Amino acid sequence: MKEEFYRTLRSSIWWGVLVLAALLPFALSSYYLHIVTLALVYVALASSWNIVGGMAGQISLAHSLFIGVGAMFSSALLLKLGINMWLGLVISAAISAVLGAAIAWIDYRFRLGHLSFVLITLAFAEMGAIIVEGWEFLGGASGLLLPRDAGNFLRFEFGGGQGAFWVMLVLAAICVLVNVAILNAPLGYYLRTIRDNEKAAQAIGVNVLRYKTMAMVISAVLASVVGTAYVRYLTFADPYLLISPVITIEIVLFATVGGLGRAYGPALGALLLVPLGEVLRGKLGSTLPGLHYFIYGVVVVAVILATPRGLLPLAERMWARWRGPASRAG
């Protein structure tokens, strides 16, 4: 009975948070609505990366490539060939899936160590950035300016800030739910086995190539879809933002601070750090240049030193401490 009560309580809390989040556009100004929307974008991206980096233990820096494919390629298909962005989203996701599978195969074929895998994925990301900046079809270094958002959903238009917020909320929820589903499915157990001891996993019959490829493909497809929605919200496909390895480093930071390998950890990290960074920049960026970066860095370092495993495990320990006296009192 007690376990059922706490399970119901946790479920009610999450549903309550989701309902309150859906009502935020009616209560926030456009500035703060943009910050929350941006946080949801990074919730989705960090959750998609968590499948590879957290569950499978592969620190991939290639996710800017998948985000860039989703953003730049779908925009180019719309502007240069007149292809609807919904179809462009599917095509870009398929390309990202192929690239993700190729990276996973290279990792397995050459038995790359953790550091080698990081460097290989970084090289893929850098090559993608060079190709985009030098290919006129994708806008080159100048990027691509998308048509005005008129609110026609069939043309992949969201209708301004409120519509974009709800779309990003749905995408963030999907990415988190995919994490939950994987963690509770055999795939999640296989990925954690590979992460903890790949040789032992292979020795007991786990198909390492299959499950690494599945993780990378799912992660790449989610990142590509979010990239397409993100560029539609921005209305400008900026290669220096959307296909830069810097965006992957931010994703890794949010996932690490929140809690690697946990379903809700990356979401927690993004929801806390993205608004913090944006508010600090808005309040202090013009007062003393660089001060907001310093404060943000100090906060991140302090959090990592205080909770090396992330904020979510800390919250779980606090919940367990509160639950212990409560259950004893009951």
C-alpha atoms as a PDB file:
ATOM      1  CA  MET A   1       0.000   0.000   0.000  1.00  0.00           C
ATOM      2  CA  LYS A   2       2.763   2.423   0.902  1.00  0.00           C
ATOM      3  CA  GLU A   3       4.675   1.701  -2.307  1.00  0.00           C
ATOM      4  CA  GLU A   4       1.498   2.198  -4.319  1.00  0.00           C
ATOM      5  CA  PHE A   5       0.833   5.499  -2.543  1.00  0.00           C
ATOM      6  CA  TYR A   6       4.298   6.888  -3.276  1.00  0.00           C
ATOM      7  CA  ARG A   7       4.136   5.685  -6.864  1.00  0.00           C
ATOM      8  CA  THR A   8       0.807   7.436  -7.316  1.00  0.00           C
ATOM      9  CA  LEU A   9       2.181  10.563  -5.642  1.00  0.00           C
ATOM     10  CA  ARG A  10       5.182  10.708  -7.985  1.00  0.00           C
ATOM     11  CA  SER A  11       2.949  10.177 -11.014  1.00  0.00           C
ATOM     12  CA  SER A  12       0.572  12.918  -9.858  1.00  0.00           C
ATOM     13  CA  ILE A  13       3.466  15.331  -9.354  1.00  0.00           C
ATOM     14  CA  TRP A  14       4.763  14.742 -12.887  1.00  0.00           C
ATOM     15  CA  TRP A  15       1.319  15.134 -14.453  1.00  0.00           C
ATOM     16  CA  GLY A  16       0.735  18.275 -12.412  1.00  0.00           C
ATOM     17  CA  VAL A  17       4.020  19.746 -13.583  1.00  0.00           C
ATOM     18  CA  LEU A  18       3.108  18.946 -17.201  1.00  0.00           C
ATOM     19  CA  VAL A  19      -0.302  20.589 -16.929  1.00  0.00           C
ATOM     20  CA  LEU A  20       1.136  23.697 -15.278  1.00  0.00           C
ATOM     21  CA  ALA A  21       3.832  23.868 -17.954  1.00  0.00           C
ATOM     22  CA  ALA A  22       1.195  23.793 -20.702  1.00  0.00           C
ATOM     23  CA  LEU A  23      -0.457  26.862 -19.136  1.00  0.00           C
ATOM     24  CA  LEU A  24       2.752  28.910 -18.912  1.00  0.00           C
ATOM     25  CA  PRO A  25       2.257  30.823 -22.211  1.00  0.00           C
ATOM     26  CA  PHE A  26      -0.784  32.533 -20.674  1.00  0.00           C
ATOM     27  CA  ALA A  27       1.185  33.730 -17.649  1.00  0.00           C
ATOM     28  CA  LEU A  28       4.617  34.717 -19.009  1.00  0.00           C
ATOM     29  CA  SER A  29       5.846  37.662 -21.016  1.00  0.00           C
ATOM     30  CA  SER A  30       7.377  36.992 -24.434  1.00  0.00           C
ATOM     31  CA  TYR A  31      10.912  37.291 -22.985  1.00  0.00           C
ATOM     32  CA  TYR A  32      10.434  34.685 -20.297  1.00  0.00           C
ATOM     33  CA  LEU A  33       8.382  32.508 -22.632  1.00  0.00           C
ATOM     34  CA  HIS A  34      11.389  32.453 -24.982  1.00  0.00           C
ATOM     35  CA  ILE A  35      13.644  31.360 -22.111  1.00  0.00           C
ATOM     36  CA  VAL A  36      11.301  28.525 -21.144  1.00  0.00           C
ATOM     37  CA  THR A  37      10.959  27.449 -24.787  1.00  0.00           C
ATOM     38  CA  LEU A  38      14.735  27.407 -25.149  1.00  0.00           C
ATOM     39  CA  ALA A  39      14.970  25.312 -21.970  1.00  0.00           C
ATOM     40  CA  LEU A  40      12.519  22.803 -23.473  1.00  0.00           C
ATOM     41  CA  VAL A  41      14.649  22.588 -26.630  1.00  0.00           C
ATOM     42  CA  TYR A  42      17.646  21.634 -24.517  1.00  0.00           C
ATOM     43  CA  VAL A  43      15.555  19.234 -22.422  1.00  0.00           C
ATOM     44  CA  ALA A  44      14.755  17.370 -25.638  1.00  0.00           C
ATOM     45  CA  LEU A  45      18.336  17.503 -26.943  1.00  0.00           C
ATOM     46  CA  ALA A  46      19.937  16.483 -23.644  1.00  0.00           C
ATOM     47  CA  SER A  47      17.443  13.627 -23.271  1.00  0.00           C
ATOM     48  CA  SER A  48      18.184  12.404 -26.791  1.00  0.00           C
ATOM     49  CA  TRP A  49      21.945  12.491 -26.106  1.00  0.00           C
ATOM     50  CA  ASN A  50      21.434  10.655 -22.805  1.00  0.00           C
ATOM     51  CA  ILE A  51      20.494   7.477 -24.692  1.00  0.00           C
ATOM     52  CA  VAL A  52      24.039   7.250 -26.058  1.00  0.00           C
ATOM     53  CA  GLY A  53      26.084   9.141 -23.486  1.00  0.00           C
ATOM     54  CA  GLY A  54      24.267   8.168 -20.298  1.00  0.00           C
ATOM     55  CA  MET A  55      22.812   4.731 -20.890  1.00  0.00           C
ATOM     56  CA  ALA A  56      25.397   3.292 -23.289  1.00  0.00           C
ATOM     57  CA  GLY A  57      28.326   5.215 -21.787  1.00  0.00           C
ATOM     58  CA  GLN A  58      29.534   6.556 -25.165  1.00  0.00           C
ATOM     59  CA  ILE A  59      30.472  10.221 -24.862  1.00  0.00           C
ATOM     60  CA  SER A  60      29.499  11.318 -28.350  1.00  0.00           C
ATOM     61  CA  LEU A  61      30.297  14.827 -29.579  1.00  0.00           C
ATOM     62  CA  ALA A  62      28.655  14.229 -32.957  1.00  0.00           C
ATOM     63  CA  HIS A  63      25.178  15.363 -31.973  1.00  0.00           C
ATOM     64  CA  SER A  64      25.708  18.811 -33.421  1.00  0.00           C
ATOM     65  CA  LEU A  65      25.944  16.970 -36.758  1.00  0.00           C
ATOM     66  CA  PHE A  66      22.477  15.435 -36.285  1.00  0.00           C
ATOM     67  CA  ILE A  67      21.004  18.715 -35.064  1.00  0.00           C
ATOM     68  CA  GLY A  68      22.598  20.509 -38.017  1.00  0.00           C
ATOM     69  CA  VAL A  69      21.268  17.993 -40.515  1.00  0.00           C
ATOM     70  CA  GLY A  70      17.771  18.418 -39.106  1.00  0.00           C
ATOM     71  CA  ALA A  71      18.013  22.204 -39.124  1.00  0.00           C
ATOM     72  CA  MET A  72      20.109  23.064 -42.187  1.00  0.00           C
ATOM     73  CA  PHE A  73      19.058  20.322 -44.591  1.00  0.00           C
ATOM     74  CA  SER A  74      15.325  20.646 -43.991  1.00  0.00           C
ATOM     75  CA  SER A  75      15.619  24.436 -44.387  1.00  0.00           C
ATOM     76  CA  ALA A  76      17.554  24.046 -47.652  1.00  0.00           C
ATOM     77  CA  LEU A  77      14.994  21.562 -49.007  1.00  0.00           C
ATOM     78  CA  LEU A  78      12.238  24.094 -48.292  1.00  0.00           C
ATOM     79  CA  LEU A  79      13.978  27.171 -49.686  1.00  0.00           C
ATOM     80  CA  LYS A  80      15.867  25.664 -52.634  1.00  0.00           C
ATOM     81  CA  LEU A  81      13.542  22.847 -53.748  1.00  0.00           C
ATOM     82  CA  GLY A  82      10.192  23.885 -52.271  1.00  0.00           C
ATOM     83  CA  ILE A  83       9.838  20.665 -50.256  1.00  0.00           C
ATOM     84  CA  ASN A  84       7.486  20.895 -47.295  1.00  0.00           C
ATOM     85  CA  MET A  85       9.373  20.936 -43.991  1.00  0.00           C
ATOM     86  CA  TRP A  86       7.354  17.988 -42.693  1.00  0.00           C
ATOM     87  CA  LEU A  87       8.840  15.892 -45.488  1.00  0.00           C
ATOM     88  CA  GLY A  88      12.179  17.611 -44.951  1.00  0.00           C
ATOM     89  CA  LEU A  89      12.014  16.560 -41.286  1.00  0.00           C
ATOM     90  CA  VAL A  90      11.570  12.907 -42.315  1.00  0.00           C
ATOM     91  CA  ILE A  91      14.374  13.057 -44.902  1.00  0.00           C
ATOM     92  CA  SER A  92      16.749  14.756 -42.454  1.00  0.00           C
ATOM     93  CA  ALA A  93      15.918  12.218 -39.737  1.00  0.00           C
ATOM     94  CA  ALA A  94      16.657   9.369 -42.161  1.00  0.00           C
ATOM     95  CA  ILE A  95      20.031  10.908 -43.074  1.00  0.00           C
ATOM     96  CA  SER A  96      20.855  11.351 -39.377  1.00  0.00           C
ATOM     97  CA  ALA A  97      19.913   7.721 -38.726  1.00  0.00           C
ATOM     98  CA  VAL A  98      22.329   6.554 -41.438  1.00  0.00           C
ATOM     99  CA  LEU A  99      25.111   8.769 -40.066  1.00  0.00           C
ATOM    100  CA  GLY A 100      24.469   7.519 -36.532  1.00  0.00           C
ATOM    101  CA  ALA A 101      24.584   3.893 -37.682  1.00  0.00           C
ATOM    102  CA  ALA A 102      27.840   4.559 -39.546  1.00  0.00           C
ATOM    103  CA  ILE A 103      29.445   6.080 -36.434  1.00  0.00           C
ATOM    104  CA  ALA A 104      28.318   3.123 -34.304  1.00  0.00           C
ATOM    105  CA  TRP A 105      29.730   0.671 -36.876  1.00  0.00           C
ATOM    106  CA  ILE A 106      33.087   2.475 -36.977  1.00  0.00           C
ATOM    107  CA  ASP A 107      33.235   2.351 -33.179  1.00  0.00           C
ATOM    108  CA  TYR A 108      32.559  -1.395 -33.166  1.00  0.00           C
ATOM    109  CA  ARG A 109      34.726  -2.245 -36.179  1.00  0.00           C
ATOM    110  CA  PHE A 110      37.868  -0.558 -34.862  1.00  0.00           C
ATOM    111  CA  ARG A 111      37.226  -1.264 -31.159  1.00  0.00           C
ATOM    112  CA  LEU A 112      37.628   2.384 -30.230  1.00  0.00           C
ATOM    113  CA  GLY A 113      38.352   3.288 -26.626  1.00  0.00           C
ATOM    114  CA  HIS A 114      36.371   6.003 -24.864  1.00  0.00           C
ATOM    115  CA  LEU A 115      38.826   8.792 -25.723  1.00  0.00           C
ATOM    116  CA  SER A 116      39.151   7.620 -29.338  1.00  0.00           C
ATOM    117  CA  PHE A 117      35.362   7.550 -29.684  1.00  0.00           C
ATOM    118  CA  VAL A 118      35.108  11.110 -28.366  1.00  0.00           C
ATOM    119  CA  LEU A 119      37.719  12.310 -30.862  1.00  0.00           C
ATOM    120  CA  ILE A 120      36.131  10.436 -33.782  1.00  0.00           C
ATOM    121  CA  THR A 121      32.701  11.890 -33.081  1.00  0.00           C
ATOM    122  CA  LEU A 122      34.214  15.357 -32.685  1.00  0.00           C
ATOM    123  CA  ALA A 123      35.890  14.905 -36.075  1.00  0.00           C
ATOM    124  CA  PHE A 124      32.529  13.997 -37.640  1.00  0.00           C
ATOM    125  CA  ALA A 125      30.971  17.109 -36.115  1.00  0.00           C
ATOM    126  CA  GLU A 126      33.782  19.339 -37.408  1.00  0.00           C
ATOM    127  CA  MET A 127      33.541  17.811 -40.895  1.00  0.00           C
ATOM    128  CA  GLY A 128      29.810  18.454 -40.898  1.00  0.00           C
ATOM    129  CA  ALA A 129      30.354  22.083 -39.926  1.00  0.00           C
ATOM    130  CA  ILE A 130      32.935  22.544 -42.706  1.00  0.00           C
ATOM    131  CA  ILE A 131      30.629  20.989 -45.311  1.00  0.00           C
ATOM    132  CA  VAL A 132      27.682  23.187 -44.291  1.00  0.00           C
ATOM    133  CA  GLU A 133      29.739  26.391 -44.241  1.00  0.00           C
ATOM    134  CA  GLY A 134      31.178  25.648 -47.675  1.00  0.00           C
ATOM    135  CA  TRP A 135      28.068  24.337 -49.453  1.00  0.00           C
ATOM    136  CA  GLU A 136      25.942  27.034 -51.036  1.00  0.00           C
ATOM    137  CA  PHE A 137      22.890  24.740 -51.186  1.00  0.00           C
ATOM    138  CA  LEU A 138      22.861  24.723 -47.377  1.00  0.00           C
ATOM    139  CA  GLY A 139      23.354  28.475 -47.169  1.00  0.00           C
ATOM    140  CA  GLY A 140      27.105  28.464 -46.631  1.00  0.00           C
ATOM    141  CA  ALA A 141      28.511  30.619 -43.860  1.00  0.00           C
ATOM    142  CA  SER A 142      25.640  33.111 -44.268  1.00  0.00           C
ATOM    143  CA  GLY A 143      22.955  30.635 -43.256  1.00  0.00           C
ATOM    144  CA  LEU A 144      19.365  30.514 -44.475  1.00  0.00           C
ATOM    145  CA  LEU A 145      16.432  32.781 -43.657  1.00  0.00           C
ATOM    146  CA  LEU A 146      13.138  30.920 -43.437  1.00  0.00           C
ATOM    147  CA  PRO A 147       9.763  32.386 -44.501  1.00  0.00           C
ATOM    148  CA  ARG A 148       7.702  34.217 -41.905  1.00  0.00           C
ATOM    149  CA  ASP A 149       5.800  31.989 -39.526  1.00  0.00           C
ATOM    150  CA  ALA A 150       2.159  32.458 -40.539  1.00  0.00           C
ATOM    151  CA  GLY A 151       0.802  29.764 -38.240  1.00  0.00           C
ATOM    152  CA  ASN A 152       0.018  27.190 -40.948  1.00  0.00           C
ATOM    153  CA  PHE A 153       0.737  23.896 -39.190  1.00  0.00           C
ATOM    154  CA  LEU A 154       0.566  21.947 -42.459  1.00  0.00           C
ATOM    155  CA  ARG A 155       3.560  23.988 -43.619  1.00  0.00           C
ATOM    156  CA  PHE A 156       5.389  23.321 -40.352  1.00  0.00           C
ATOM    157  CA  GLU A 157       4.606  26.739 -38.897  1.00  0.00           C
ATOM    158  CA  PHE A 158       3.771  27.077 -35.224  1.00  0.00           C
ATOM    159  CA  GLY A 159       2.086  30.468 -35.043  1.00  0.00           C
ATOM    160  CA  GLY A 160       4.573  32.419 -32.936  1.00  0.00           C
ATOM    161  CA  GLY A 161       5.945  32.010 -29.448  1.00  0.00           C
ATOM    162  CA  GLN A 162       2.969  30.214 -27.862  1.00  0.00           C
ATOM    163  CA  GLY A 163       2.682  27.634 -30.614  1.00  0.00           C
ATOM    164  CA  ALA A 164       6.422  27.020 -30.585  1.00  0.00           C
ATOM    165  CA  PHE A 165       6.308  26.539 -26.817  1.00  0.00           C
ATOM    166  CA  TRP A 166       3.655  23.814 -27.048  1.00  0.00           C
ATOM    167  CA  VAL A 167       5.510  22.068 -29.878  1.00  0.00           C
ATOM    168  CA  MET A 168       8.744  22.085 -27.870  1.00  0.00           C
ATOM    169  CA  LEU A 169       6.874  20.890 -24.782  1.00  0.00           C
ATOM    170  CA  VAL A 170       5.536  17.913 -26.748  1.00  0.00           C
ATOM    171  CA  LEU A 171       8.981  17.123 -28.201  1.00  0.00           C
ATOM    172  CA  ALA A 172      10.623  17.385 -24.767  1.00  0.00           C
ATOM    173  CA  ALA A 173       7.972  15.076 -23.274  1.00  0.00           C
ATOM    174  CA  ILE A 174       8.471  12.575 -26.118  1.00  0.00           C
ATOM    175  CA  CYS A 175      12.244  12.520 -25.636  1.00  0.00           C
ATOM    176  CA  VAL A 176      11.904  12.018 -21.879  1.00  0.00           C
ATOM    177  CA  LEU A 177       9.298   9.267 -22.369  1.00  0.00           C
ATOM    178  CA  VAL A 178      11.584   7.524 -24.862  1.00  0.00           C
ATOM    179  CA  ASN A 179      14.261   7.544 -22.148  1.00  0.00           C
ATOM    180  CA  VAL A 180      11.797   6.050 -19.666  1.00  0.00           C
ATOM    181  CA  ALA A 181      10.694   3.386 -22.161  1.00  0.00           C
ATOM    182  CA  ILE A 182      14.266   2.386 -23.019  1.00  0.00           C
ATOM    183  CA  LEU A 183      15.332   2.194 -19.386  1.00  0.00           C
ATOM    184  CA  ASN A 184      12.440  -0.157 -18.618  1.00  0.00           C
ATOM    185  CA  ALA A 185      12.897  -2.257 -21.763  1.00  0.00           C
ATOM    186  CA  PRO A 186      15.488  -4.974 -22.475  1.00  0.00           C
ATOM    187  CA  LEU A 187      17.386  -2.444 -24.607  1.00  0.00           C
ATOM    188  CA  GLY A 188      18.038  -0.349 -21.505  1.00  0.00           C
ATOM    189  CA  TYR A 189      19.457  -3.315 -19.600  1.00  0.00           C
ATOM    190  CA  TYR A 190      21.670  -4.262 -22.526  1.00  0.00           C
ATOM    191  CA  LEU A 191      22.978  -0.698 -22.902  1.00  0.00           C
ATOM    192  CA  ARG A 192      23.825  -0.436 -19.200  1.00  0.00           C
ATOM    193  CA  THR A 193      25.559  -3.810 -19.368  1.00  0.00           C
ATOM    194  CA  ILE A 194      27.636  -2.606 -22.316  1.00  0.00           C
ATOM    195  CA  ARG A 195      28.405   0.632 -20.473  1.00  0.00           C
ATOM    196  CA  ASP A 196      29.571  -1.127 -17.317  1.00  0.00           C
ATOM    197  CA  ASN A 197      31.642  -3.870 -18.991  1.00  0.00           C
ATOM    198  CA  GLU A 198      31.510  -4.260 -22.760  1.00  0.00           C
ATOM    199  CA  LYS A 199      33.699  -7.379 -22.871  1.00  0.00           C
ATOM    200  CA  ALA A 200      31.643  -9.133 -20.225  1.00  0.00           C
ATOM    201  CA  ALA A 201      28.444  -8.177 -22.045  1.00  0.00           C
ATOM    202  CA  GLN A 202      29.782  -9.653 -25.266  1.00  0.00           C
ATOM    203  CA  ALA A 203      30.911 -12.778 -23.420  1.00  0.00           C
ATOM    204  CA  ILE A 204      27.391 -13.509 -22.153  1.00  0.00           C
ATOM    205  CA  GLY A 205      25.911 -13.113 -25.631  1.00  0.00           C
ATOM    206  CA  VAL A 206      24.851  -9.454 -25.823  1.00  0.00           C
ATOM    207  CA  ASN A 207      24.996  -8.254 -29.444  1.00  0.00           C
ATOM    208  CA  VAL A 208      27.101  -5.141 -28.839  1.00  0.00           C
ATOM    209  CA  LEU A 209      26.953  -3.828 -32.425  1.00  0.00           C
ATOM    210  CA  ARG A 210      23.171  -4.166 -32.642  1.00  0.00           C
ATOM    211  CA  TYR A 211      22.413  -2.362 -29.401  1.00  0.00           C
ATOM    212  CA  LYS A 212      25.021   0.361 -29.851  1.00  0.00           C
ATOM    213  CA  THR A 213      23.624   1.007 -33.321  1.00  0.00           C
ATOM    214  CA  MET A 214      20.046   1.079 -32.030  1.00  0.00           C
ATOM    215  CA  ALA A 215      20.990   3.579 -29.327  1.00  0.00           C
ATOM    216  CA  MET A 216      22.864   5.838 -31.734  1.00  0.00           C
ATOM    217  CA  VAL A 217      20.117   5.730 -34.371  1.00  0.00           C
ATOM    218  CA  ILE A 218      17.330   6.529 -31.904  1.00  0.00           C
ATOM    219  CA  SER A 219      19.409   9.327 -30.404  1.00  0.00           C
ATOM    220  CA  ALA A 220      20.319  10.755 -33.830  1.00  0.00           C
ATOM    221  CA  VAL A 221      16.723  10.719 -35.087  1.00  0.00           C
ATOM    222  CA  LEU A 222      15.415  12.506 -31.995  1.00  0.00           C
ATOM    223  CA  ALA A 223      18.166  15.142 -32.185  1.00  0.00           C
ATOM    224  CA  SER A 224      17.458  15.711 -35.887  1.00  0.00           C
ATOM    225  CA  VAL A 225      13.711  16.154 -35.337  1.00  0.00           C
ATOM    226  CA  VAL A 226      14.331  18.632 -32.521  1.00  0.00           C
ATOM    227  CA  GLY A 227      16.831  20.470 -34.745  1.00  0.00           C
ATOM    228  CA  THR A 228      14.186  20.886 -37.457  1.00  0.00           C
ATOM    229  CA  ALA A 229      11.631  22.243 -34.979  1.00  0.00           C
ATOM    230  CA  TYR A 230      14.249  24.504 -33.397  1.00  0.00           C
ATOM    231  CA  VAL A 231      15.225  26.147 -36.689  1.00  0.00           C
ATOM    232  CA  ARG A 232      11.565  26.741 -37.529  1.00  0.00           C
ATOM    233  CA  TYR A 233      11.205  28.512 -34.184  1.00  0.00           C
ATOM    234  CA  LEU A 234      14.340  30.598 -34.785  1.00  0.00           C
ATOM    235  CA  THR A 235      13.346  31.313 -38.441  1.00  0.00           C
ATOM    236  CA  PHE A 236      17.063  31.542 -39.283  1.00  0.00           C
ATOM    237  CA  ALA A 237      19.327  28.579 -39.924  1.00  0.00           C
ATOM    238  CA  ASP A 238      22.607  29.789 -38.423  1.00  0.00           C
ATOM    239  CA  PRO A 239      25.413  27.261 -39.051  1.00  0.00           C
ATOM    240  CA  TYR A 240      27.559  28.742 -36.282  1.00  0.00           C
ATOM    241  CA  LEU A 241      24.817  27.950 -33.762  1.00  0.00           C
ATOM    242  CA  LEU A 242      23.108  24.829 -35.061  1.00  0.00           C
ATOM    243  CA  ILE A 243      26.009  22.701 -36.274  1.00  0.00           C
ATOM    244  CA  SER A 244      28.745  23.920 -33.958  1.00  0.00           C
ATOM    245  CA  PRO A 245      30.217  21.353 -31.505  1.00  0.00           C
ATOM    246  CA  VAL A 246      29.564  23.970 -28.810  1.00  0.00           C
ATOM    247  CA  ILE A 247      25.887  23.008 -28.759  1.00  0.00           C
ATOM    248  CA  THR A 248      26.864  19.391 -28.043  1.00  0.00           C
ATOM    249  CA  ILE A 249      29.105  20.483 -25.170  1.00  0.00           C
ATOM    250  CA  GLU A 250      26.151  22.367 -23.672  1.00  0.00           C
ATOM    251  CA  ILE A 251      23.972  19.265 -24.020  1.00  0.00           C
ATOM    252  CA  VAL A 252      26.595  17.104 -22.301  1.00  0.00           C
ATOM    253  CA  LEU A 253      26.870  19.674 -19.503  1.00  0.00           C
ATOM    254  CA  PHE A 254      23.117  19.697 -18.853  1.00  0.00           C
ATOM    255  CA  ALA A 255      22.900  15.908 -18.869  1.00  0.00           C
ATOM    256  CA  THR A 256      25.883  15.571 -16.517  1.00  0.00           C
ATOM    257  CA  VAL A 257      24.633  18.148 -14.041  1.00  0.00           C
ATOM    258  CA  GLY A 258      21.149  16.626 -14.033  1.00  0.00           C
ATOM    259  CA  GLY A 259      22.256  13.000 -13.777  1.00  0.00           C
ATOM    260  CA  LEU A 260      23.696  10.784 -16.515  1.00  0.00           C
ATOM    261  CA  GLY A 261      21.807   7.649 -17.444  1.00  0.00           C
ATOM    262  CA  ARG A 262      18.620   8.724 -15.633  1.00  0.00           C
ATOM    263  CA  ALA A 263      15.370   9.286 -17.503  1.00  0.00           C
ATOM    264  CA  TYR A 264      14.701  12.670 -15.901  1.00  0.00           C
ATOM    265  CA  GLY A 265      18.271  13.754 -15.113  1.00  0.00           C
ATOM    266  CA  PRO A 266      19.078  15.597 -18.383  1.00  0.00           C
ATOM    267  CA  ALA A 267      15.679  17.317 -18.274  1.00  0.00           C
ATOM    268  CA  LEU A 268      16.342  18.549 -14.738  1.00  0.00           C
ATOM    269  CA  GLY A 269      19.779  19.875 -15.682  1.00  0.00           C
ATOM    270  CA  ALA A 270      18.455  21.748 -18.721  1.00  0.00           C
ATOM    271  CA  LEU A 271      15.457  23.188 -16.878  1.00  0.00           C
ATOM    272  CA  LEU A 272      17.748  24.639 -14.207  1.00  0.00           C
ATOM    273  CA  LEU A 273      20.831  25.743 -16.151  1.00  0.00           C
ATOM    274  CA  VAL A 274      19.297  27.193 -19.325  1.00  0.00           C
ATOM    275  CA  PRO A 275      17.049  29.721 -17.523  1.00  0.00           C
ATOM    276  CA  LEU A 276      19.910  30.531 -15.131  1.00  0.00           C
ATOM    277  CA  GLY A 277      22.271  31.299 -17.999  1.00  0.00           C
ATOM    278  CA  GLU A 278      19.727  33.351 -19.927  1.00  0.00           C
ATOM    279  CA  VAL A 279      18.601  35.390 -16.904  1.00  0.00           C
ATOM    280  CA  LEU A 280      22.200  36.084 -15.875  1.00  0.00           C
ATOM    281  CA  ARG A 281      23.016  37.236 -19.396  1.00  0.00           C
ATOM    282  CA  GLY A 282      19.936  39.445 -19.535  1.00  0.00           C
ATOM    283  CA  LYS A 283      20.533  41.035 -16.133  1.00  0.00           C
ATOM    284  CA  LEU A 284      24.341  41.263 -16.032  1.00  0.00           C
ATOM    285  CA  GLY A 285      25.473  40.999 -19.662  1.00  0.00           C
ATOM    286  CA  SER A 286      25.358  44.740 -20.289  1.00  0.00           C
ATOM    287  CA  THR A 287      26.484  45.763 -16.786  1.00  0.00           C
ATOM    288  CA  LEU A 288      29.879  44.103 -16.687  1.00  0.00           C
ATOM    289  CA  PRO A 289      30.759  42.014 -19.761  1.00  0.00           C
ATOM    290  CA  GLY A 290      31.809  38.519 -18.810  1.00  0.00           C
ATOM    291  CA  LEU A 291      30.431  38.608 -15.256  1.00  0.00           C
ATOM    292  CA  HIS A 292      27.452  36.410 -16.118  1.00  0.00           C
ATOM    293  CA  TYR A 293      29.776  33.781 -17.599  1.00  0.00           C
ATOM    294  CA  PHE A 294      31.862  33.818 -14.434  1.00  0.00           C
ATOM    295  CA  ILE A 295      28.858  33.415 -12.130  1.00  0.00           C
ATOM    296  CA  TYR A 296      27.393  30.696 -14.345  1.00  0.00           C
ATOM    297  CA  GLY A 297      30.710  28.829 -14.333  1.00  0.00           C
ATOM    298  CA  VAL A 298      31.022  29.084 -10.548  1.00  0.00           C
ATOM    299  CA  VAL A 299      27.499  27.679 -10.104  1.00  0.00           C
ATOM    300  CA  VAL A 300      28.186  24.767 -12.472  1.00  0.00           C
ATOM    301  CA  VAL A 301      31.505  23.913 -10.785  1.00  0.00           C
ATOM    302  CA  ALA A 302      29.917  24.112  -7.331  1.00  0.00           C
ATOM    303  CA  VAL A 303      27.054  21.813  -8.353  1.00  0.00           C
ATOM    304  CA  ILE A 304      29.405  19.246  -9.913  1.00  0.00           C
ATOM    305  CA  LEU A 305      31.681  19.265  -6.872  1.00  0.00           C
ATOM    306  CA  ALA A 306      28.741  18.959  -4.477  1.00  0.00           C
ATOM    307  CA  THR A 307      26.893  16.255  -6.446  1.00  0.00           C
ATOM    308  CA  PRO A 308      29.290  14.444  -8.810  1.00  0.00           C
ATOM    309  CA  ARG A 309      26.540  12.022  -9.845  1.00  0.00           C
ATOM    310  CA  GLY A 310      24.111  14.834 -10.654  1.00  0.00           C
ATOM    311  CA  LEU A 311      21.196  16.698  -9.134  1.00  0.00           C
ATOM    312  CA  LEU A 312      18.609  13.973  -9.650  1.00  0.00           C
ATOM    313  CA  PRO A 313      20.406  11.410  -7.454  1.00  0.00           C
ATOM    314  CA  LEU A 314      20.679  14.113  -4.788  1.00  0.00           C
ATOM    315  CA  ALA A 315      16.938  14.780  -5.037  1.00  0.00           C
ATOM    316  CA  GLU A 316      16.264  11.042  -4.786  1.00  0.00           C
ATOM    317  CA  ARG A 317      18.357  10.785  -1.621  1.00  0.00           C
ATOM    318  CA  MET A 318      16.480  13.722  -0.094  1.00  0.00           C
ATOM    319  CA  TRP A 319      13.173  12.076  -1.069  1.00  0.00           C
ATOM    320  CA  ALA A 320      14.285   8.815   0.569  1.00  0.00           C
ATOM    321  CA  ARG A 321      15.227  10.629   3.778  1.00  0.00           C
ATOM    322  CA  TRP A 322      11.842  12.334   3.906  1.00  0.00           C
ATOM    323  CA  ARG A 323      10.026   9.133   3.031  1.00  0.00           C
ATOM    324  CA  GLY A 324      11.835   7.122   5.732  1.00  0.00           C
ATOM    325  CA  PRO A 325      10.539   9.074   8.770  1.00  0.00           C
ATOM    326  CA  ALA A 326       7.131   9.406   7.103  1.00  0.00           C
ATOM    327  CA  SER A 327       6.817   5.661   6.566  1.00  0.00           C
ATOM    328  CA  ARG A 328       7.999   4.940  10.115  1.00  0.00           C
ATOM    329  CA  ALA A 329       5.482   7.436  11.503  1.00  0.00           C
ATOM    330  CA  GLY A 330       2.739   5.782   9.441  1.00  0.00           C
END
